[in-house]
Protein backbone atom coordinates (compact mmCIF):
# COMPACT_ATOMS: atom_id res chain seq x y z
CA MET A 1 35.27 -7.67 -12.74
CA GLY A 2 35.88 -5.24 -9.91
CA VAL A 3 35.47 -6.02 -6.23
CA GLY A 4 32.29 -7.72 -5.13
CA TYR A 5 30.51 -7.08 -1.89
CA ALA A 6 27.62 -8.52 0.05
CA SER A 7 25.21 -6.75 2.37
CA LEU A 8 22.93 -8.30 4.95
CA CYS A 9 20.41 -6.58 7.16
CA VAL A 10 17.53 -7.59 9.39
CA ALA A 11 14.75 -5.09 10.03
CA ARG A 12 11.31 -4.94 11.58
CA VAL A 13 8.63 -4.80 8.82
CA GLY A 14 5.06 -4.08 9.95
CA CYS A 15 4.17 -6.98 12.20
CA GLY A 16 7.11 -9.05 11.01
CA TYR A 17 10.80 -9.07 10.24
CA SER A 18 12.70 -8.66 7.01
CA LEU A 19 15.96 -10.22 5.84
CA PHE A 20 17.75 -8.72 2.83
CA LEU A 21 20.85 -10.05 1.10
CA ALA A 22 22.44 -8.56 -2.01
CA VAL A 23 25.59 -9.48 -3.89
CA ARG A 24 26.87 -7.40 -6.82
CA PRO A 25 30.04 -6.00 -8.39
CA ALA A 26 30.90 -2.75 -6.70
CA THR A 27 32.45 -0.86 -9.63
CA ALA A 28 30.10 -1.62 -12.50
CA GLN A 29 27.30 0.91 -12.07
CA THR A 30 26.67 4.58 -12.69
CA SER A 31 23.62 6.69 -12.14
CA PRO A 32 21.23 6.73 -15.12
CA ILE A 33 20.99 10.50 -14.79
CA ASP A 34 24.09 12.64 -15.18
CA LYS A 35 25.39 14.46 -12.15
CA PRO A 36 24.09 18.07 -11.94
CA ALA A 37 26.59 20.74 -12.86
CA GLY A 38 28.39 22.13 -9.87
CA SER A 39 27.42 19.26 -7.60
CA ASP A 40 30.09 17.58 -5.54
CA ALA A 41 28.01 14.45 -5.11
CA GLY A 42 29.99 11.44 -6.11
CA ALA A 43 33.34 13.19 -5.78
CA SER A 44 36.47 11.24 -4.88
CA VAL A 45 37.94 11.88 -1.45
CA ALA A 46 41.55 10.97 -0.76
CA ILE A 47 42.09 9.53 2.72
CA PRO A 48 45.55 8.58 4.00
CA ASP A 49 46.11 4.90 4.71
CA ALA A 50 47.91 4.33 7.98
CA THR A 51 49.47 1.14 6.63
CA THR A 52 51.23 2.88 3.70
CA LYS A 53 54.10 5.27 3.47
CA ASP A 54 53.56 8.98 4.04
CA ASP A 55 53.54 9.76 0.31
CA GLU A 56 51.05 7.01 -0.54
CA GLN A 57 47.28 7.44 -0.35
CA ALA A 58 44.26 5.19 -0.82
CA GLU A 59 41.45 6.71 -2.88
CA ILE A 60 37.89 6.11 -1.62
CA LEU A 61 34.90 6.94 -3.83
CA VAL A 62 32.15 8.57 -1.77
CA ARG A 63 28.62 8.14 -3.15
CA GLY A 64 25.22 7.32 -1.68
CA LEU A 65 22.25 9.28 -0.46
CA ARG A 66 23.66 12.73 -1.21
CA ARG A 67 24.03 11.82 -4.90
CA SER A 68 20.40 10.70 -5.08
CA LEU A 69 19.16 13.87 -3.38
CA ALA A 70 21.19 16.09 -5.69
CA THR A 71 19.89 14.29 -8.77
CA SER A 72 16.32 14.60 -7.54
CA GLN A 73 16.80 18.31 -6.91
CA ALA A 74 18.17 18.86 -10.42
CA ILE A 75 15.22 17.11 -12.06
CA LYS A 76 12.71 19.21 -10.12
CA ARG A 77 14.59 22.45 -10.82
CA GLU A 78 14.80 21.88 -14.57
CA SER A 79 11.25 20.59 -15.06
CA ASP A 80 8.57 22.81 -16.62
CA SER A 81 5.87 21.26 -14.44
CA ILE A 82 5.37 20.80 -10.70
CA ILE A 83 7.15 17.52 -10.04
CA ASP A 84 8.57 15.48 -7.17
CA VAL A 85 11.11 12.71 -7.75
CA ILE A 86 12.58 9.78 -5.86
CA VAL A 87 15.87 8.59 -7.34
CA ALA A 88 17.72 5.34 -6.64
CA ASP A 89 21.40 5.99 -7.35
CA ASP A 90 22.20 2.26 -7.12
CA ILE A 91 20.36 -0.98 -7.83
CA GLY A 92 17.82 -1.83 -5.14
CA LYS A 93 18.44 1.42 -3.24
CA LEU A 94 14.89 2.76 -3.35
CA PRO A 95 13.39 2.77 0.14
CA ASP A 96 10.68 0.29 1.12
CA TYR A 97 9.53 -2.74 -0.86
CA THR A 98 7.26 -1.40 -3.62
CA ALA A 99 6.78 1.79 -5.60
CA ALA A 100 3.56 2.58 -3.72
CA GLU A 101 5.33 2.44 -0.35
CA SER A 102 8.11 4.72 -1.58
CA LEU A 103 5.58 7.25 -2.90
CA ALA A 104 4.25 7.73 0.62
CA ARG A 105 7.48 9.63 1.32
CA VAL A 106 6.77 12.28 -1.34
CA ALA A 107 5.31 15.60 -0.21
CA GLY A 108 1.69 15.97 -1.32
CA VAL A 109 1.26 12.23 -1.98
CA GLN A 110 -0.76 9.95 0.26
CA VAL A 111 -1.36 6.21 0.07
CA GLU A 112 -4.27 4.24 1.44
CA ARG A 113 -3.05 1.27 3.45
CA TYR A 114 -5.19 -1.83 3.83
CA SER A 115 -4.58 -5.54 4.28
CA ASP A 116 -0.94 -4.95 5.25
CA GLU A 117 0.17 -3.01 2.17
CA ALA A 118 0.14 0.43 0.61
CA GLY A 119 -2.47 0.49 -2.14
CA THR A 120 -4.37 3.39 -3.69
CA VAL A 121 -2.22 6.48 -4.37
CA LEU A 122 -3.66 9.96 -3.86
CA ILE A 123 -2.05 13.19 -5.04
CA ARG A 124 -3.07 16.16 -2.91
CA GLY A 125 -5.90 14.02 -1.59
CA LEU A 126 -7.35 13.26 -5.03
CA PRO A 127 -7.74 9.81 -6.64
CA ASP A 128 -7.70 9.00 -10.39
CA VAL A 129 -3.94 8.98 -10.87
CA ALA A 130 -2.65 8.06 -14.35
CA THR A 131 0.46 5.87 -14.56
CA ALA A 132 3.31 5.75 -17.05
CA TYR A 133 6.25 3.41 -17.60
CA ASN A 134 9.40 5.06 -18.95
CA GLY A 135 7.29 7.96 -20.20
CA ARG A 136 4.54 5.98 -21.95
CA GLU A 137 1.10 5.17 -20.56
CA ILE A 138 0.60 1.74 -19.02
CA PHE A 139 -2.64 0.25 -17.76
CA THR A 140 -4.32 -3.04 -16.90
CA ALA A 141 -7.57 -4.68 -17.92
CA GLU A 142 -8.94 -3.70 -14.51
CA ASN A 143 -8.67 0.09 -14.89
CA ARG A 144 -6.75 2.91 -16.60
CA GLY A 145 -3.71 2.69 -14.34
CA VAL A 146 -1.55 -0.10 -12.98
CA ALA A 147 -1.32 -0.94 -9.30
CA LEU A 148 1.87 0.80 -8.22
CA GLN A 149 2.38 -1.83 -5.53
CA ASP A 150 3.02 -4.25 -8.42
CA PHE A 151 6.27 -2.40 -9.24
CA PRO A 152 9.07 -3.90 -7.12
CA ALA A 153 11.53 -1.32 -5.81
CA GLN A 154 14.53 -3.39 -6.94
CA ALA A 155 13.75 -2.77 -10.62
CA ILE A 156 13.19 1.00 -10.40
CA SER A 157 15.71 3.77 -11.00
CA SER A 158 13.34 6.65 -10.23
CA ILE A 159 9.70 7.56 -9.61
CA GLU A 160 8.39 10.90 -10.91
CA VAL A 161 5.17 12.44 -9.61
CA TYR A 162 3.74 15.12 -11.92
CA LYS A 163 1.28 17.34 -10.07
CA SER A 164 0.63 19.55 -13.11
CA GLY A 165 0.53 18.71 -16.80
CA THR A 166 2.56 19.98 -19.74
CA ALA A 167 2.12 19.57 -23.50
CA ASP A 168 4.76 16.86 -23.77
CA LEU A 169 3.17 14.64 -21.12
CA ILE A 170 0.56 11.96 -21.55
CA GLU A 171 -2.73 13.41 -20.40
CA PRO A 172 -2.66 12.90 -16.62
CA GLY A 173 -5.56 11.79 -14.50
CA LEU A 174 -7.66 14.06 -12.32
CA ALA A 175 -4.95 14.13 -9.65
CA GLY A 176 -1.81 13.83 -11.74
CA LEU A 177 0.64 11.36 -13.27
CA VAL A 178 3.12 8.91 -11.77
CA ASN A 179 5.94 7.86 -14.10
CA VAL A 180 8.06 4.84 -13.16
CA ARG A 181 11.49 4.66 -14.78
CA THR A 182 13.67 1.57 -15.03
CA ARG A 183 17.29 1.24 -16.01
CA ARG A 184 18.71 0.65 -19.49
CA PRO A 185 21.97 -1.12 -20.31
CA LEU A 186 23.88 1.97 -21.45
CA ASP A 187 23.26 3.51 -18.02
CA PHE A 188 26.03 1.23 -16.73
CA ASN A 189 29.78 1.36 -17.43
CA GLY A 190 30.02 -2.28 -18.39
CA ARG A 191 28.84 -5.75 -17.47
CA VAL A 192 26.65 -5.90 -14.37
CA ILE A 193 25.34 -8.92 -12.52
CA ALA A 194 23.30 -7.89 -9.50
CA GLY A 195 20.65 -9.40 -7.32
CA GLY A 196 19.07 -9.41 -3.94
CA PHE A 197 17.08 -11.70 -1.69
CA ARG A 198 14.54 -10.66 0.87
CA GLY A 199 12.67 -12.79 3.36
CA THR A 200 9.84 -11.56 5.57
CA TYR A 201 8.05 -13.06 8.54
CA ASN A 202 4.61 -11.90 9.66
CA ASP A 203 3.92 -12.71 13.30
CA GLN A 204 0.12 -12.57 12.87
CA SER A 205 -0.19 -14.85 9.84
CA ASN A 206 2.89 -16.90 10.85
CA GLY A 207 3.86 -16.65 7.19
CA ARG A 208 7.42 -16.72 5.87
CA ASP A 209 7.69 -15.17 2.43
CA PRO A 210 10.58 -14.97 -0.05
CA GLY A 211 11.30 -12.19 -2.50
CA GLY A 212 14.15 -11.00 -4.64
CA ASN A 213 15.50 -9.95 -8.01
CA VAL A 214 18.25 -10.74 -10.52
CA LEU A 215 19.59 -8.17 -13.02
CA LEU A 216 21.94 -8.89 -15.93
CA SER A 217 23.28 -6.11 -18.14
CA ASP A 218 26.12 -5.75 -20.64
CA ARG A 219 27.28 -3.32 -23.33
CA TRP A 220 29.68 -3.67 -26.25
CA LYS A 221 31.10 -1.77 -29.22
CA VAL A 222 29.31 -1.96 -32.59
CA GLY A 223 31.22 -0.05 -35.25
CA ASP A 224 31.55 3.53 -34.06
CA GLY A 225 28.67 3.12 -31.63
CA GLU A 226 27.58 0.99 -28.70
CA MET A 227 24.86 -1.55 -28.02
CA GLY A 228 23.61 -2.94 -24.72
CA PHE A 229 21.15 -5.49 -23.39
CA LEU A 230 19.53 -5.69 -19.95
CA ILE A 231 17.16 -8.18 -18.37
CA ASN A 232 15.72 -8.08 -14.88
CA ALA A 233 13.40 -10.50 -13.07
CA THR A 234 11.73 -10.03 -9.68
CA TYR A 235 9.46 -12.00 -7.37
CA ALA A 236 7.62 -10.81 -4.27
CA GLN A 237 5.32 -12.74 -1.95
CA SER A 238 3.43 -11.78 1.19
CA GLN A 239 1.03 -13.51 3.56
CA TYR A 240 -0.97 -11.51 6.05
CA TYR A 241 -3.67 -11.77 8.67
CA ASN A 242 -5.48 -9.07 10.64
CA GLY A 243 -7.89 -9.88 13.44
CA VAL A 244 -9.89 -6.85 14.60
CA ARG A 245 -12.33 -6.38 17.46
CA TYR A 246 -14.32 -3.28 16.65
CA ASN A 247 -16.79 -0.79 18.06
CA ASP A 248 -19.03 0.81 15.47
CA SER A 249 -18.06 4.40 14.69
CA PHE A 250 -21.77 5.34 14.77
CA VAL A 251 -22.65 6.16 18.39
CA ARG A 252 -26.19 6.31 19.76
CA ASP A 253 -27.66 7.35 23.09
CA SER A 254 -30.32 5.45 24.97
CA TYR A 255 -32.83 8.29 24.60
CA TYR A 256 -33.27 7.27 20.95
CA SER A 257 -32.86 3.52 21.30
CA ASP A 258 -36.32 1.95 21.32
CA TYR A 259 -39.25 4.24 21.91
CA LEU A 260 -41.58 1.85 23.73
CA GLN A 261 -39.22 0.20 26.22
CA GLN A 262 -35.67 1.34 26.93
CA GLY A 263 -36.02 4.82 25.47
CA ARG A 264 -39.35 5.37 27.15
CA LYS A 265 -37.85 4.48 30.54
CA VAL A 266 -35.05 6.96 29.92
CA ARG A 267 -37.47 9.69 28.92
CA GLU A 268 -39.55 9.17 32.04
CA ASN A 269 -36.52 9.13 34.35
CA LEU A 270 -34.20 11.77 32.94
CA PRO A 271 -31.35 12.05 33.55
CA ASN A 272 -30.95 8.56 35.08
CA GLY A 273 -30.36 5.89 32.42
CA LEU A 274 -29.20 8.24 29.66
CA PHE A 275 -25.84 7.21 28.18
CA PHE A 276 -23.98 6.87 24.87
CA PHE A 277 -22.98 3.51 23.36
CA PRO A 278 -21.71 2.21 19.97
CA ASN A 279 -24.44 1.09 17.60
CA ARG A 280 -22.81 -2.33 17.23
CA VAL A 281 -19.72 -4.39 18.02
CA GLY A 282 -18.06 -7.15 16.05
CA LEU A 283 -15.13 -9.18 14.78
CA TYR A 284 -13.37 -8.71 11.44
CA ASN A 285 -10.72 -11.15 10.21
CA ASP A 286 -8.84 -10.38 7.00
CA GLY A 287 -6.13 -12.65 5.62
CA GLY A 288 -4.60 -13.99 2.46
CA LYS A 289 -1.60 -14.45 0.24
CA ARG A 290 -0.27 -12.31 -2.60
CA TYR A 291 2.58 -12.97 -4.99
CA ARG A 292 3.84 -10.82 -7.81
CA PRO A 293 6.20 -12.06 -10.54
CA SER A 294 7.59 -9.46 -12.93
CA ALA A 295 10.33 -9.02 -15.54
CA ASN A 296 11.61 -6.36 -17.90
CA PHE A 297 14.21 -6.15 -20.66
CA ALA A 298 15.83 -3.41 -22.74
CA LEU A 299 17.91 -3.49 -25.94
CA GLN A 300 19.64 -0.18 -26.57
CA TYR A 301 21.74 0.99 -29.55
CA LYS A 302 23.60 4.29 -29.97
CA PRO A 303 25.30 4.47 -33.39
CA SER A 304 26.47 7.98 -32.47
CA PRO A 305 26.20 10.25 -29.43
CA ASP A 306 23.25 12.09 -31.05
CA VAL A 307 21.15 9.05 -32.02
CA GLU A 308 19.61 6.37 -29.81
CA LEU A 309 17.37 3.42 -30.72
CA TYR A 310 15.78 1.00 -28.28
CA VAL A 311 13.40 -1.90 -27.80
CA GLU A 312 12.09 -2.68 -24.33
CA GLY A 313 9.31 -4.64 -22.68
CA ILE A 314 7.81 -5.47 -19.32
CA PHE A 315 5.68 -8.20 -17.75
CA GLN A 316 3.78 -7.61 -14.54
CA GLY A 317 1.80 -10.27 -12.73
CA TYR A 318 -0.40 -10.34 -9.65
CA ARG A 319 -1.87 -13.38 -7.89
CA GLY A 320 -4.09 -13.04 -4.84
CA GLU A 321 -6.00 -15.43 -2.60
CA ILE A 322 -7.97 -13.55 0.05
CA SER A 323 -10.60 -14.45 2.66
CA ILE A 324 -12.59 -12.18 4.98
CA ASP A 325 -14.81 -13.11 7.94
CA ASN A 326 -17.13 -10.63 9.61
CA PHE A 327 -19.37 -11.19 12.67
CA ASP A 328 -21.55 -8.22 13.58
CA VAL A 329 -23.55 -7.88 16.81
CA PRO A 330 -26.12 -5.03 16.81
CA LEU A 331 -26.77 -3.31 20.13
CA GLU A 332 -29.46 -1.12 18.64
CA GLN A 333 -32.63 -2.32 16.98
CA TRP A 334 -32.61 -2.85 13.22
CA GLY A 335 -34.78 -4.76 10.76
CA PRO A 336 -38.59 -5.10 10.59
CA ASP A 337 -38.80 -8.34 12.62
CA SER A 338 -36.50 -7.41 15.49
CA THR A 339 -37.56 -6.49 19.00
CA PRO A 340 -36.46 -3.50 21.11
CA PRO A 341 -33.22 -4.09 23.05
CA VAL A 342 -33.14 -3.95 26.83
CA PHE A 343 -29.97 -2.73 28.58
CA SER A 344 -28.89 -3.77 32.06
CA ASN A 345 -25.73 -3.84 34.19
CA VAL A 346 -24.69 -0.50 32.70
CA VAL A 347 -21.36 0.76 34.06
CA LEU A 348 -20.17 4.24 33.10
CA PHE A 349 -16.56 5.23 32.47
CA ASP A 350 -14.63 6.37 35.53
CA GLY A 351 -15.29 9.96 36.46
CA GLN A 352 -18.65 10.12 34.62
CA SER A 353 -22.13 10.07 36.15
CA TYR A 354 -25.74 10.71 35.26
CA GLY A 355 -25.65 13.73 37.58
CA ASP A 356 -23.38 15.54 35.09
CA ILE A 357 -26.17 15.75 32.50
CA LYS A 358 -27.49 19.25 31.94
CA LEU A 359 -31.20 19.32 31.03
CA ARG A 360 -32.79 21.75 28.57
CA PRO A 361 -36.56 21.65 29.22
CA GLY A 362 -38.70 22.47 26.22
CA GLN A 363 -35.93 21.83 23.69
CA ASN A 364 -35.25 18.89 21.41
CA PRO A 365 -33.43 16.99 22.67
CA PRO A 366 -34.20 18.12 26.24
CA TYR A 367 -30.53 17.72 27.35
CA ASP A 368 -27.03 18.90 26.45
CA VAL A 369 -25.48 16.02 24.47
CA THR A 370 -21.94 17.07 25.44
CA THR A 371 -22.70 16.25 29.09
CA VAL A 372 -24.10 12.74 28.52
CA PRO A 373 -21.80 9.98 29.91
CA GLN A 374 -20.56 6.97 27.97
CA ALA A 375 -21.14 3.35 28.87
CA ALA A 376 -17.97 1.42 29.68
CA SER A 377 -19.81 -1.93 29.75
CA LEU A 378 -23.34 -3.26 29.62
CA THR A 379 -25.53 -6.29 28.99
CA LYS A 380 -27.99 -6.30 26.11
CA THR A 381 -30.93 -8.70 25.86
CA SER A 382 -33.64 -9.00 23.21
CA GLY A 383 -33.08 -6.63 20.25
CA SER A 384 -31.71 -7.75 16.88
CA GLU A 385 -29.93 -10.98 16.00
CA PRO A 386 -26.20 -11.02 15.14
CA ILE A 387 -25.32 -11.28 11.46
CA GLY A 388 -22.19 -12.13 9.51
CA TRP A 389 -20.60 -13.16 6.24
CA ARG A 390 -17.59 -14.94 4.80
CA SER A 391 -16.05 -13.78 1.54
CA THR A 392 -13.31 -15.48 -0.48
CA ARG A 393 -11.61 -14.02 -3.53
CA LYS A 394 -9.12 -15.33 -6.04
CA ALA A 395 -7.77 -12.90 -8.61
CA PHE A 396 -4.91 -12.51 -11.05
CA THR A 397 -3.61 -9.92 -13.49
CA ASN A 398 -1.14 -10.37 -16.36
CA THR A 399 0.06 -7.23 -18.11
CA TYR A 400 2.54 -7.07 -21.01
CA GLN A 401 3.94 -4.09 -22.85
CA ILE A 402 6.55 -3.94 -25.62
CA ALA A 403 7.81 -0.71 -27.14
CA THR A 404 10.33 0.56 -29.65
CA GLY A 405 11.48 4.05 -30.40
CA GLY A 406 14.35 6.41 -30.91
CA ARG A 407 15.79 9.80 -30.18
CA TRP A 408 17.75 12.21 -32.41
CA GLN A 409 19.15 15.25 -30.70
CA THR A 410 20.90 18.24 -32.25
CA ASP A 411 21.85 21.67 -30.98
CA ARG A 412 18.64 23.15 -32.39
CA ALA A 413 16.02 20.41 -32.06
CA THR A 414 15.22 17.03 -30.57
CA LEU A 415 13.14 14.42 -32.38
CA THR A 416 11.71 11.47 -30.45
CA THR A 417 9.35 8.66 -31.36
CA ASP A 418 7.86 5.78 -29.37
CA ILE A 419 5.49 3.00 -30.46
CA ALA A 420 4.08 0.65 -27.84
CA TYR A 421 1.68 -2.27 -27.64
CA SER A 422 0.01 -3.26 -24.37
CA TRP A 423 -1.94 -6.41 -23.55
CA SER A 424 -3.56 -7.19 -20.21
CA GLN A 425 -5.69 -9.94 -18.71
CA TYR A 426 -7.67 -9.66 -15.48
CA LYS A 427 -9.77 -12.26 -13.68
CA ASN A 428 -11.56 -12.07 -10.36
CA ASP A 429 -13.69 -14.81 -8.77
CA GLU A 430 -15.43 -13.81 -5.53
CA TYR A 431 -17.88 -15.73 -3.37
CA SER A 432 -19.70 -14.51 -0.27
CA LEU A 433 -22.03 -16.40 2.08
CA ASP A 434 -24.24 -14.38 4.48
CA PHE A 435 -25.80 -15.68 7.70
CA ARG A 436 -27.55 -14.66 10.90
CA THR A 437 -28.13 -16.36 14.20
CA VAL A 438 -31.45 -17.94 15.11
CA GLY A 439 -32.99 -15.20 17.25
CA ALA A 440 -31.48 -12.36 19.24
CA LYS A 441 -28.83 -13.20 21.83
CA THR A 442 -27.81 -11.87 25.20
CA VAL A 443 -24.54 -9.97 24.85
CA ASP A 444 -22.10 -8.92 27.60
CA VAL A 445 -19.90 -6.08 26.32
CA VAL A 446 -16.85 -4.24 27.64
CA PHE A 447 -16.14 -1.44 25.15
CA ASN A 448 -12.45 -0.90 25.91
CA ARG A 449 -10.31 -3.81 27.04
CA ASP A 450 -6.72 -4.25 25.86
CA GLY A 451 -7.17 -1.72 23.07
CA GLY A 452 -10.47 -3.02 21.68
CA VAL A 453 -13.95 -4.21 22.47
CA SER A 454 -14.47 -7.48 24.35
CA PHE A 455 -17.81 -9.27 24.22
CA ASN A 456 -19.36 -12.70 24.61
CA LEU A 457 -22.72 -14.35 24.02
CA PRO A 458 -23.36 -16.46 27.14
CA GLY A 459 -25.21 -19.74 26.59
CA TRP A 460 -24.74 -19.69 22.81
CA ASP A 461 -22.73 -22.34 20.97
CA PRO A 462 -21.06 -20.81 17.87
CA PHE A 463 -20.02 -24.27 16.60
CA ASN A 464 -23.56 -25.67 16.36
CA PRO A 465 -24.90 -25.32 12.77
CA ALA A 466 -28.46 -25.35 14.10
CA ASN A 467 -27.83 -21.92 15.64
CA TYR A 468 -27.46 -20.28 12.20
CA MET A 469 -29.71 -19.33 9.31
CA PHE A 470 -28.27 -18.59 5.86
CA ARG A 471 -29.43 -15.24 4.48
CA GLY A 472 -27.96 -15.25 0.99
CA TYR A 473 -25.16 -16.14 -1.39
CA TYR A 474 -23.23 -13.72 -3.58
CA GLU A 475 -20.98 -14.61 -6.48
CA ILE A 476 -19.07 -12.53 -9.02
CA ASN A 477 -16.87 -13.73 -11.85
CA LEU A 478 -14.97 -11.23 -13.99
């Protein structure tokens, strides 16, 4: 059986904390990729034991990160294409929680993060990345590729990022190809029972989420050859919430606000009254729950060292329940029925003044925009009414793939074959309700307070249904 060990660590994860516990035999695994020639990674180091006699020694096997780095280097050196690789030398030793998060560590690869997770993968800034599982293409009913955040790190032995194509590769996407490799039973020396548990806490959603995996693998003699079977199951769950107070990234100045009232006053009294301000302010609340069950198996048979046959399959699932609230308060006029806004109580940022504005008579605009000050706070009356919407979405994906194939290798040639069948189901139900307030409201705004905008609508009751008008309803079912 070997000696078992347990590891426990607590770490800060995003806005929460993570707890990880793993128990496994310590002597039952080997790397799925052979050690590069000449590498000393994984070498045994003899260290004297102070409790023994002088002629006795205790042997300690040194492995770990150096072995993974050496293996990754060897793969990149021997590849015919431009490739980057992340290798997990032991079960559950890939960094981060999902494949997408680990890919963010690869040079030339970027990930778009939203709603508290790494999502879309870009290679050299380009989208349209094809995905492969153990060298064969895998996709979902939603699009050509799978969501790489659906691959749990515990089940992965390596991730390969191909930045250029070769004849033996599946045709990559516009940006490239990401190949996810999992373990097979003959990668291990013998019977392996391994697993891990992870718990996370998010201090914004107040959500406590479990996650973990269990792997069972064994191999045995069959005639002159060997056969092995592996099964692995994982579960990951996350709850999140993000509350954002935002200033619009589109900035206007009061010279172009409304022509007849505020802007006209500015034009007639340049430079007094000329200032920059965000086009709108608002609140954005994004929250939900995701959980991802998955499992994979592999049956492997090697009747001789030159011949290998296998059958393997994978199930990936995604379940998501998401809600988004948005409340948007325009400071500039918009819409055919709105009235021009009127600004008052304008306070400029410290160190700025209207006297700093440099005029340019006869030019358009008649001032140097780089010298115009910025409003730190103001009051807006009249103008356009606030608007908003609430969106809810419930979606799931089930993807299955089963494959069989073989490999025959001689000194002169290598013959491989692989036949796979994929089946995927995708469903998305989304509902959105749009509203606006009854009439424009007075708004007091401070554009930078505690890292974000702060505003209120004095005299307005947000909990009174009579203060709202519904603008529309949107529904999509896929």
